[in-house]
Amino acid sequence: MIEHRRELRGRQRFPVVIGRMPLFTANHSRSGFCAEALRVLSPGTAIDGIFRARGGEYPFSGRVVWAQSGDARLNLRGRMGIQFVSLAPGLAPLLDSRRRP
């Protein structure tokens, strides 16, 4: 598998809401994040959401760049990669993987 990451990924899990769908990050960087969800969205889907971190809520918009379905029968979550298009100014420093939580 070819590695496409340009930045180091942080491993702290953050709650995220996309539309009415709550999910958690599996990893994150300043350019995007990987999310775990029972239902994944199709690549290319534009999204608006809220990142919940350190007591605040930070709106963002992005797009799904890849998705891997899970299996609801086995309670296995799927994963999807979200690339940020825009994000609240206070969110970028929180996502810096070099920063300690």
PDB file of N, CA and C in Angstrom:
ATOM      1  N   MET A   1       0.842  -1.181   0.000  1.00  0.00           N
ATOM      2  CA  MET A   1       0.000   0.000   0.000  1.00  0.00           C
ATOM      3  C   MET A   1       0.889   1.246   0.000  1.00  0.00           C
ATOM      4  N   ILE A   2       0.573   2.207  -0.793  1.00  0.00           N
ATOM      5  CA  ILE A   2       1.334   3.442  -0.894  1.00  0.00           C
ATOM      6  C   ILE A   2       0.921   4.388   0.220  1.00  0.00           C
ATOM      7  N   GLU A   3       1.891   4.983   0.867  1.00  0.00           N
ATOM      8  CA  GLU A   3       1.635   5.928   1.956  1.00  0.00           C
ATOM      9  C   GLU A   3       1.451   7.331   1.376  1.00  0.00           C
ATOM     10  N   HIS A   4       0.296   7.948   1.614  1.00  0.00           N
ATOM     11  CA  HIS A   4      -0.015   9.274   1.073  1.00  0.00           C
ATOM     12  C   HIS A   4       0.055  10.376   2.123  1.00  0.00           C
ATOM     13  N   ARG A   5       0.324  10.037   3.354  1.00  0.00           N
ATOM     14  CA  ARG A   5       0.331  11.034   4.419  1.00  0.00           C
ATOM     15  C   ARG A   5       1.486  12.006   4.249  1.00  0.00           C
ATOM     16  N   ARG A   6       1.187  13.260   4.459  1.00  0.00           N
ATOM     17  CA  ARG A   6       2.202  14.299   4.375  1.00  0.00           C
ATOM     18  C   ARG A   6       2.608  14.803   5.748  1.00  0.00           C
ATOM     19  N   GLU A   7       1.807  14.499   6.758  1.00  0.00           N
ATOM     20  CA  GLU A   7       2.053  14.996   8.108  1.00  0.00           C
ATOM     21  C   GLU A   7       1.972  13.844   9.096  1.00  0.00           C
ATOM     22  N   LEU A   8       2.638  14.021  10.228  1.00  0.00           N
ATOM     23  CA  LEU A   8       2.510  13.058  11.304  1.00  0.00           C
ATOM     24  C   LEU A   8       1.084  13.082  11.831  1.00  0.00           C
ATOM     25  N   ARG A   9       0.610  11.949  12.283  1.00  0.00           N
ATOM     26  CA  ARG A   9      -0.745  11.850  12.803  1.00  0.00           C
ATOM     27  C   ARG A   9      -0.747  11.775  14.312  1.00  0.00           C
ATOM     28  N   GLY A  10      -1.651  12.533  14.942  1.00  0.00           N
ATOM     29  CA  GLY A  10      -1.873  12.438  16.380  1.00  0.00           C
ATOM     30  C   GLY A  10      -2.832  11.294  16.651  1.00  0.00           C
ATOM     31  N   ARG A  11      -2.707  10.667  17.783  1.00  0.00           N
ATOM     32  CA  ARG A  11      -3.539   9.503  18.109  1.00  0.00           C
ATOM     33  C   ARG A  11      -4.634   9.786  19.126  1.00  0.00           C
ATOM     34  N   GLN A  12      -4.736  10.988  19.635  1.00  0.00           N
ATOM     35  CA  GLN A  12      -5.789  11.291  20.600  1.00  0.00           C
ATOM     36  C   GLN A  12      -7.147  11.235  19.914  1.00  0.00           C
ATOM     37  N   ARG A  13      -8.120  10.597  20.561  1.00  0.00           N
ATOM     38  CA  ARG A  13      -9.462  10.482  19.979  1.00  0.00           C
ATOM     39  C   ARG A  13     -10.290  11.704  20.356  1.00  0.00           C
ATOM     40  N   PHE A  14     -10.958  12.264  19.351  1.00  0.00           N
ATOM     41  CA  PHE A  14     -11.842  13.405  19.567  1.00  0.00           C
ATOM     42  C   PHE A  14     -13.239  13.052  19.064  1.00  0.00           C
ATOM     43  N   PRO A  15     -14.290  13.487  19.768  1.00  0.00           N
ATOM     44  CA  PRO A  15     -15.634  13.325  19.231  1.00  0.00           C
ATOM     45  C   PRO A  15     -15.878  14.338  18.109  1.00  0.00           C
ATOM     46  N   VAL A  16     -16.568  13.893  17.083  1.00  0.00           N
ATOM     47  CA  VAL A  16     -16.902  14.712  15.918  1.00  0.00           C
ATOM     48  C   VAL A  16     -18.361  14.454  15.576  1.00  0.00           C
ATOM     49  N   VAL A  17     -19.050  15.474  15.103  1.00  0.00           N
ATOM     50  CA  VAL A  17     -20.415  15.305  14.611  1.00  0.00           C
ATOM     51  C   VAL A  17     -20.448  15.794  13.167  1.00  0.00           C
ATOM     52  N   ILE A  18     -20.898  14.928  12.278  1.00  0.00           N
ATOM     53  CA  ILE A  18     -21.074  15.290  10.872  1.00  0.00           C
ATOM     54  C   ILE A  18     -22.570  15.180  10.597  1.00  0.00           C
ATOM     55  N   GLY A  19     -23.203  16.317  10.334  1.00  0.00           N
ATOM     56  CA  GLY A  19     -24.663  16.317  10.220  1.00  0.00           C
ATOM     57  C   GLY A  19     -25.246  15.913  11.563  1.00  0.00           C
ATOM     58  N   ARG A  20     -25.963  14.796  11.590  1.00  0.00           N
ATOM     59  CA  ARG A  20     -26.504  14.262  12.845  1.00  0.00           C
ATOM     60  C   ARG A  20     -25.775  12.985  13.257  1.00  0.00           C
ATOM     61  N   MET A  21     -24.674  12.667  12.580  1.00  0.00           N
ATOM     62  CA  MET A  21     -23.949  11.428  12.821  1.00  0.00           C
ATOM     63  C   MET A  21     -22.762  11.669  13.776  1.00  0.00           C
ATOM     64  N   PRO A  22     -22.827  11.128  15.003  1.00  0.00           N
ATOM     65  CA  PRO A  22     -21.682  11.242  15.908  1.00  0.00           C
ATOM     66  C   PRO A  22     -20.650  10.168  15.585  1.00  0.00           C
ATOM     67  N   LEU A  23     -19.385  10.523  15.706  1.00  0.00           N
ATOM     68  CA  LEU A  23     -18.307   9.568  15.477  1.00  0.00           C
ATOM     69  C   LEU A  23     -17.076  10.010  16.238  1.00  0.00           C
ATOM     70  N   PHE A  24     -16.004   9.222  16.166  1.00  0.00           N
ATOM     71  CA  PHE A  24     -14.749   9.543  16.823  1.00  0.00           C
ATOM     72  C   PHE A  24     -13.610   9.481  15.830  1.00  0.00           C
ATOM     73  N   THR A  25     -12.600  10.303  16.084  1.00  0.00           N
ATOM     74  CA  THR A  25     -11.414  10.238  15.244  1.00  0.00           C
ATOM     75  C   THR A  25     -10.570   9.039  15.656  1.00  0.00           C
ATOM     76  N   ALA A  26      -9.897   8.435  14.680  1.00  0.00           N
ATOM     77  CA  ALA A  26      -8.922   7.382  14.955  1.00  0.00           C
ATOM     78  C   ALA A  26      -7.522   8.000  14.996  1.00  0.00           C
ATOM     79  N   ASN A  27      -7.315   9.016  14.154  1.00  0.00           N
ATOM     80  CA  ASN A  27      -6.088   9.807  14.163  1.00  0.00           C
ATOM     81  C   ASN A  27      -6.388  11.133  13.487  1.00  0.00           C
ATOM     82  N   HIS A  28      -5.470  12.080  13.594  1.00  0.00           N
ATOM     83  CA  HIS A  28      -5.738  13.421  13.081  1.00  0.00           C
ATOM     84  C   HIS A  28      -4.456  14.157  12.761  1.00  0.00           C
ATOM     85  N   SER A  29      -4.563  15.158  11.928  1.00  0.00           N
ATOM     86  CA  SER A  29      -3.466  16.087  11.647  1.00  0.00           C
ATOM     87  C   SER A  29      -4.102  17.427  11.298  1.00  0.00           C
ATOM     88  N   ARG A  30      -3.282  18.399  10.945  1.00  0.00           N
ATOM     89  CA  ARG A  30      -3.818  19.710  10.557  1.00  0.00           C
ATOM     90  C   ARG A  30      -4.539  19.654   9.213  1.00  0.00           C
ATOM     91  N   SER A  31      -4.285  18.631   8.419  1.00  0.00           N
ATOM     92  CA  SER A  31      -4.917  18.567   7.094  1.00  0.00           C
ATOM     93  C   SER A  31      -6.173  17.706   7.065  1.00  0.00           C
ATOM     94  N   GLY A  32      -6.413  16.892   8.098  1.00  0.00           N
ATOM     95  CA  GLY A  32      -7.599  16.056   8.094  1.00  0.00           C
ATOM     96  C   GLY A  32      -7.572  15.019   9.202  1.00  0.00           C
ATOM     97  N   PHE A  33      -8.477  14.049   9.097  1.00  0.00           N
ATOM     98  CA  PHE A  33      -8.549  13.019  10.126  1.00  0.00           C
ATOM     99  C   PHE A  33      -9.170  11.750   9.573  1.00  0.00           C
ATOM    100  N   CYS A  34      -8.932  10.666  10.282  1.00  0.00           N
ATOM    101  CA  CYS A  34      -9.578   9.390   9.993  1.00  0.00           C
ATOM    102  C   CYS A  34     -10.655   9.216  11.048  1.00  0.00           C
ATOM    103  N   ALA A  35     -11.864   8.891  10.622  1.00  0.00           N
ATOM    104  CA  ALA A  35     -12.984   8.726  11.540  1.00  0.00           C
ATOM    105  C   ALA A  35     -13.504   7.297  11.491  1.00  0.00           C
ATOM    106  N   GLU A  36     -13.963   6.814  12.627  1.00  0.00           N
ATOM    107  CA  GLU A  36     -14.605   5.510  12.718  1.00  0.00           C
ATOM    108  C   GLU A  36     -16.101   5.719  12.858  1.00  0.00           C
ATOM    109  N   ALA A  37     -16.880   4.983  12.074  1.00  0.00           N
ATOM    110  CA  ALA A  37     -18.339   5.128  12.107  1.00  0.00           C
ATOM    111  C   ALA A  37     -18.990   3.834  11.641  1.00  0.00           C
ATOM    112  N   LEU A  38     -20.205   3.580  12.103  1.00  0.00           N
ATOM    113  CA  LEU A  38     -20.927   2.397  11.636  1.00  0.00           C
ATOM    114  C   LEU A  38     -21.345   2.560  10.177  1.00  0.00           C
ATOM    115  N   ARG A  39     -21.596   3.809   9.768  1.00  0.00           N
ATOM    116  CA  ARG A  39     -21.977   4.083   8.378  1.00  0.00           C
ATOM    117  C   ARG A  39     -20.981   5.084   7.823  1.00  0.00           C
ATOM    118  N   VAL A  40     -20.319   4.721   6.735  1.00  0.00           N
ATOM    119  CA  VAL A  40     -19.356   5.639   6.131  1.00  0.00           C
ATOM    120  C   VAL A  40     -19.991   6.343   4.933  1.00  0.00           C
ATOM    121  N   LEU A  41     -19.456   7.509   4.623  1.00  0.00           N
ATOM    122  CA  LEU A  41     -19.922   8.290   3.481  1.00  0.00           C
ATOM    123  C   LEU A  41     -19.052   7.978   2.266  1.00  0.00           C
ATOM    124  N   SER A  42     -19.577   8.215   1.092  1.00  0.00           N
ATOM    125  CA  SER A  42     -18.852   7.924  -0.150  1.00  0.00           C
ATOM    126  C   SER A  42     -17.735   8.932  -0.384  1.00  0.00           C
ATOM    127  N   PRO A  43     -16.615   8.477  -0.940  1.00  0.00           N
ATOM    128  CA  PRO A  43     -15.547   9.416  -1.310  1.00  0.00           C
ATOM    129  C   PRO A  43     -16.083  10.515  -2.225  1.00  0.00           C
ATOM    130  N   GLY A  44     -15.612  11.727  -1.991  1.00  0.00           N
ATOM    131  CA  GLY A  44     -16.073  12.881  -2.751  1.00  0.00           C
ATOM    132  C   GLY A  44     -17.196  13.638  -2.082  1.00  0.00           C
ATOM    133  N   THR A  45     -17.819  13.054  -1.052  1.00  0.00           N
ATOM    134  CA  THR A  45     -18.916  13.713  -0.351  1.00  0.00           C
ATOM    135  C   THR A  45     -18.411  14.938   0.410  1.00  0.00           C
ATOM    136  N   ALA A  46     -19.035  16.084   0.175  1.00  0.00           N
ATOM    137  CA  ALA A  46     -18.714  17.308   0.929  1.00  0.00           C
ATOM    138  C   ALA A  46     -19.437  17.236   2.268  1.00  0.00           C
ATOM    139  N   ILE A  47     -18.763  17.649   3.326  1.00  0.00           N
ATOM    140  CA  ILE A  47     -19.347  17.574   4.667  1.00  0.00           C
ATOM    141  C   ILE A  47     -19.116  18.864   5.435  1.00  0.00           C
ATOM    142  N   ASP A  48     -19.991  19.103   6.399  1.00  0.00           N
ATOM    143  CA  ASP A  48     -19.835  20.146   7.399  1.00  0.00           C
ATOM    144  C   ASP A  48     -19.988  19.454   8.742  1.00  0.00           C
ATOM    145  N   GLY A  49     -19.167  19.832   9.692  1.00  0.00           N
ATOM    146  CA  GLY A  49     -19.241  19.164  10.978  1.00  0.00           C
ATOM    147  C   GLY A  49     -18.707  20.021  12.103  1.00  0.00           C
ATOM    148  N   ILE A  50     -18.688  19.410  13.285  1.00  0.00           N
ATOM    149  CA  ILE A  50     -18.195  20.067  14.489  1.00  0.00           C
ATOM    150  C   ILE A  50     -17.206  19.118  15.159  1.00  0.00           C
ATOM    151  N   PHE A  51     -16.046  19.632  15.443  1.00  0.00           N
ATOM    152  CA  PHE A  51     -14.984  18.924  16.149  1.00  0.00           C
ATOM    153  C   PHE A  51     -15.093  19.340  17.605  1.00  0.00           C
ATOM    154  N   ARG A  52     -15.175  18.399  18.518  1.00  0.00           N
ATOM    155  CA  ARG A  52     -15.246  18.730  19.943  1.00  0.00           C
ATOM    156  C   ARG A  52     -13.892  18.406  20.571  1.00  0.00           C
ATOM    157  N   ALA A  53     -13.234  19.438  21.085  1.00  0.00           N
ATOM    158  CA  ALA A  53     -11.899  19.248  21.639  1.00  0.00           C
ATOM    159  C   ALA A  53     -11.656  20.214  22.788  1.00  0.00           C
ATOM    160  N   ARG A  54     -11.127  19.681  23.862  1.00  0.00           N
ATOM    161  CA  ARG A  54     -10.706  20.480  25.008  1.00  0.00           C
ATOM    162  C   ARG A  54     -11.759  21.481  25.469  1.00  0.00           C
ATOM    163  N   GLY A  55     -13.000  21.013  25.569  1.00  0.00           N
ATOM    164  CA  GLY A  55     -14.080  21.837  26.090  1.00  0.00           C
ATOM    165  C   GLY A  55     -14.701  22.802  25.095  1.00  0.00           C
ATOM    166  N   GLY A  56     -14.263  22.796  23.848  1.00  0.00           N
ATOM    167  CA  GLY A  56     -14.821  23.700  22.845  1.00  0.00           C
ATOM    168  C   GLY A  56     -15.390  22.947  21.657  1.00  0.00           C
ATOM    169  N   GLU A  57     -16.161  23.660  20.863  1.00  0.00           N
ATOM    170  CA  GLU A  57     -16.713  23.114  19.622  1.00  0.00           C
ATOM    171  C   GLU A  57     -16.181  23.942  18.465  1.00  0.00           C
ATOM    172  N   TYR A  58     -15.621  23.262  17.475  1.00  0.00           N
ATOM    173  CA  TYR A  58     -14.953  23.923  16.358  1.00  0.00           C
ATOM    174  C   TYR A  58     -15.558  23.461  15.041  1.00  0.00           C
ATOM    175  N   PRO A  59     -16.255  24.341  14.325  1.00  0.00           N
ATOM    176  CA  PRO A  59     -16.844  23.944  13.045  1.00  0.00           C
ATOM    177  C   PRO A  59     -15.768  23.767  11.978  1.00  0.00           C
ATOM    178  N   PHE A  60     -16.060  22.879  11.050  1.00  0.00           N
ATOM    179  CA  PHE A  60     -15.175  22.652   9.922  1.00  0.00           C
ATOM    180  C   PHE A  60     -15.990  22.213   8.716  1.00  0.00           C
ATOM    181  N   SER A  61     -15.397  22.321   7.558  1.00  0.00           N
ATOM    182  CA  SER A  61     -15.960  21.717   6.354  1.00  0.00           C
ATOM    183  C   SER A  61     -14.852  20.910   5.707  1.00  0.00           C
ATOM    184  N   GLY A  62     -15.227  19.898   4.974  1.00  0.00           N
ATOM    185  CA  GLY A  62     -14.240  19.026   4.363  1.00  0.00           C
ATOM    186  C   GLY A  62     -14.863  18.142   3.313  1.00  0.00           C
ATOM    187  N   ARG A  63     -14.097  17.133   2.924  1.00  0.00           N
ATOM    188  CA  ARG A  63     -14.611  16.162   1.972  1.00  0.00           C
ATOM    189  C   ARG A  63     -14.040  14.798   2.306  1.00  0.00           C
ATOM    190  N   VAL A  64     -14.808  13.771   2.009  1.00  0.00           N
ATOM    191  CA  VAL A  64     -14.370  12.403   2.227  1.00  0.00           C
ATOM    192  C   VAL A  64     -13.424  12.036   1.083  1.00  0.00           C
ATOM    193  N   VAL A  65     -12.210  11.606   1.413  1.00  0.00           N
ATOM    194  CA  VAL A  65     -11.245  11.249   0.373  1.00  0.00           C
ATOM    195  C   VAL A  65     -11.116   9.747   0.186  1.00  0.00           C
ATOM    196  N   TRP A  66     -11.453   8.968   1.205  1.00  0.00           N
ATOM    197  CA  TRP A  66     -11.486   7.519   1.078  1.00  0.00           C
ATOM    198  C   TRP A  66     -12.431   6.956   2.139  1.00  0.00           C
ATOM    199  N   ALA A  67     -12.936   5.770   1.902  1.00  0.00           N
ATOM    200  CA  ALA A  67     -13.851   5.129   2.856  1.00  0.00           C
ATOM    201  C   ALA A  67     -13.698   3.618   2.788  1.00  0.00           C
ATOM    202  N   GLN A  68     -13.785   2.993   3.940  1.00  0.00           N
ATOM    203  CA  GLN A  68     -13.734   1.543   4.056  1.00  0.00           C
ATOM    204  C   GLN A  68     -14.918   1.122   4.912  1.00  0.00           C
ATOM    205  N   SER A  69     -15.837   0.365   4.345  1.00  0.00           N
ATOM    206  CA  SER A  69     -17.040  -0.047   5.061  1.00  0.00           C
ATOM    207  C   SER A  69     -16.721  -1.017   6.187  1.00  0.00           C
ATOM    208  N   GLY A  70     -17.543  -0.965   7.219  1.00  0.00           N
ATOM    209  CA  GLY A  70     -17.454  -1.921   8.316  1.00  0.00           C
ATOM    210  C   GLY A  70     -18.483  -3.018   8.092  1.00  0.00           C
ATOM    211  N   ASP A  71     -18.825  -3.722   9.144  1.00  0.00           N
ATOM    212  CA  ASP A  71     -19.837  -4.775   9.067  1.00  0.00           C
ATOM    213  C   ASP A  71     -20.732  -4.660  10.294  1.00  0.00           C
ATOM    214  N   ALA A  72     -21.935  -4.096  10.100  1.00  0.00           N
ATOM    215  CA  ALA A  72     -22.861  -3.874  11.210  1.00  0.00           C
ATOM    216  C   ALA A  72     -23.244  -5.185  11.893  1.00  0.00           C
ATOM    217  N   ARG A  73     -23.312  -6.291  11.140  1.00  0.00           N
ATOM    218  CA  ARG A  73     -23.667  -7.581  11.744  1.00  0.00           C
ATOM    219  C   ARG A  73     -22.643  -8.025  12.777  1.00  0.00           C
ATOM    220  N   LEU A  74     -21.386  -7.637  12.556  1.00  0.00           N
ATOM    221  CA  LEU A  74     -20.317  -7.999  13.479  1.00  0.00           C
ATOM    222  C   LEU A  74     -19.925  -6.840  14.399  1.00  0.00           C
ATOM    223  N   ASN A  75     -20.675  -5.751  14.323  1.00  0.00           N
ATOM    224  CA  ASN A  75     -20.413  -4.528  15.083  1.00  0.00           C
ATOM    225  C   ASN A  75     -19.009  -3.981  14.810  1.00  0.00           C
ATOM    226  N   LEU A  76     -18.567  -4.101  13.559  1.00  0.00           N
ATOM    227  CA  LEU A  76     -17.277  -3.559  13.138  1.00  0.00           C
ATOM    228  C   LEU A  76     -17.501  -2.214  12.475  1.00  0.00           C
ATOM    229  N   ARG A  77     -16.845  -1.223  12.983  1.00  0.00           N
ATOM    230  CA  ARG A  77     -16.972   0.116  12.419  1.00  0.00           C
ATOM    231  C   ARG A  77     -16.178   0.231  11.132  1.00  0.00           C
ATOM    232  N   GLY A  78     -16.680   1.083  10.250  1.00  0.00           N
ATOM    233  CA  GLY A  78     -15.938   1.433   9.060  1.00  0.00           C
ATOM    234  C   GLY A  78     -15.037   2.613   9.362  1.00  0.00           C
ATOM    235  N   ARG A  79     -14.232   2.972   8.390  1.00  0.00           N
ATOM    236  CA  ARG A  79     -13.340   4.131   8.540  1.00  0.00           C
ATOM    237  C   ARG A  79     -13.433   4.988   7.291  1.00  0.00           C
ATOM    238  N   MET A  80     -13.224   6.281   7.476  1.00  0.00           N
ATOM    239  CA  MET A  80     -13.175   7.184   6.335  1.00  0.00           C
ATOM    240  C   MET A  80     -12.173   8.290   6.613  1.00  0.00           C
ATOM    241  N   GLY A  81     -11.512   8.705   5.557  1.00  0.00           N
ATOM    242  CA  GLY A  81     -10.545   9.780   5.652  1.00  0.00           C
ATOM    243  C   GLY A  81     -11.195  11.082   5.234  1.00  0.00           C
ATOM    244  N   ILE A  82     -11.100  12.084   6.081  1.00  0.00           N
ATOM    245  CA  ILE A  82     -11.690  13.397   5.833  1.00  0.00           C
ATOM    246  C   ILE A  82     -10.567  14.411   5.649  1.00  0.00           C
ATOM    247  N   GLN A  83     -10.604  15.133   4.551  1.00  0.00           N
ATOM    248  CA  GLN A  83      -9.647  16.211   4.311  1.00  0.00           C
ATOM    249  C   GLN A  83     -10.342  17.530   4.618  1.00  0.00           C
ATOM    250  N   PHE A  84      -9.701  18.364   5.433  1.00  0.00           N
ATOM    251  CA  PHE A  84     -10.279  19.667   5.754  1.00  0.00           C
ATOM    252  C   PHE A  84     -10.253  20.574   4.525  1.00  0.00           C
ATOM    253  N   VAL A  85     -11.353  21.304   4.320  1.00  0.00           N
ATOM    254  CA  VAL A  85     -11.416  22.375   3.328  1.00  0.00           C
ATOM    255  C   VAL A  85     -11.284  23.701   4.059  1.00  0.00           C
ATOM    256  N   SER A  86     -11.971  23.828   5.189  1.00  0.00           N
ATOM    257  CA  SER A  86     -11.830  24.988   6.063  1.00  0.00           C
ATOM    258  C   SER A  86     -12.105  24.538   7.487  1.00  0.00           C
ATOM    259  N   LEU A  87     -11.491  25.246   8.439  1.00  0.00           N
ATOM    260  CA  LEU A  87     -11.718  24.905   9.830  1.00  0.00           C
ATOM    261  C   LEU A  87     -11.599  26.154  10.685  1.00  0.00           C
ATOM    262  N   ALA A  88     -12.226  26.096  11.848  1.00  0.00           N
ATOM    263  CA  ALA A  88     -12.190  27.222  12.783  1.00  0.00           C
ATOM    264  C   ALA A  88     -10.740  27.500  13.173  1.00  0.00           C
ATOM    265  N   PRO A  89     -10.375  28.780  13.303  1.00  0.00           N
ATOM    266  CA  PRO A  89      -8.981  29.132  13.598  1.00  0.00           C
ATOM    267  C   PRO A  89      -8.398  28.446  14.837  1.00  0.00           C
ATOM    268  N   GLY A  90      -9.180  28.243  15.858  1.00  0.00           N
ATOM    269  CA  GLY A  90      -8.666  27.624  17.080  1.00  0.00           C
ATOM    270  C   GLY A  90      -8.442  26.133  16.991  1.00  0.00           C
ATOM    271  N   LEU A  91      -8.923  25.495  15.936  1.00  0.00           N
ATOM    272  CA  LEU A  91      -8.808  24.045  15.837  1.00  0.00           C
ATOM    273  C   LEU A  91      -7.426  23.591  15.377  1.00  0.00           C
ATOM    274  N   ALA A  92      -6.822  24.275  14.447  1.00  0.00           N
ATOM    275  CA  ALA A  92      -5.533  23.835  13.886  1.00  0.00           C
ATOM    276  C   ALA A  92      -4.467  23.598  14.965  1.00  0.00           C
ATOM    277  N   PRO A  93      -4.279  24.502  15.923  1.00  0.00           N
ATOM    278  CA  PRO A  93      -3.258  24.239  16.945  1.00  0.00           C
ATOM    279  C   PRO A  93      -3.557  23.001  17.796  1.00  0.00           C
ATOM    280  N   LEU A  94      -4.829  22.697  18.013  1.00  0.00           N
ATOM    281  CA  LEU A  94      -5.195  21.522  18.807  1.00  0.00           C
ATOM    282  C   LEU A  94      -4.867  20.220  18.080  1.00  0.00           C
ATOM    283  N   LEU A  95      -4.806  20.275  16.759  1.00  0.00           N
ATOM    284  CA  LEU A  95      -4.560  19.084  15.956  1.00  0.00           C
ATOM    285  C   LEU A  95      -3.081  18.853  15.664  1.00  0.00           C
ATOM    286  N   ASP A  96      -2.246  19.764  16.096  1.00  0.00           N
ATOM    287  CA  ASP A  96      -0.816  19.634  15.854  1.00  0.00           C
ATOM    288  C   ASP A  96      -0.294  18.412  16.606  1.00  0.00           C
ATOM    289  N   SER A  97       0.184  17.412  15.888  1.00  0.00           N
ATOM    290  CA  SER A  97       0.623  16.153  16.502  1.00  0.00           C
ATOM    291  C   SER A  97       1.878  16.318  17.344  1.00  0.00           C
ATOM    292  N   ARG A  98       2.602  17.409  17.192  1.00  0.00           N
ATOM    293  CA  ARG A  98       3.807  17.621  17.979  1.00  0.00           C
ATOM    294  C   ARG A  98       3.486  18.213  19.345  1.00  0.00           C
ATOM    295  N   ARG A  99       2.271  18.717  19.495  1.00  0.00           N
ATOM    296  CA  ARG A  99       1.846  19.339  20.748  1.00  0.00           C
ATOM    297  C   ARG A  99       1.348  18.288  21.728  1.00  0.00           C
ATOM    298  N   ARG A 100       1.674  18.445  22.960  1.00  0.00           N
ATOM    299  CA  ARG A 100       1.181  17.535  24.009  1.00  0.00           C
ATOM    300  C   ARG A 100      -0.247  17.918  24.377  1.00  0.00           C
ATOM    301  N   PRO A 101      -1.136  16.915  24.616  1.00  0.00           N
ATOM    302  CA  PRO A 101      -2.518  17.224  25.015  1.00  0.00           C
ATOM    303  C   PRO A 101      -2.592  17.900  26.358  1.00  0.00           C
TER     304      PRO A 101
END
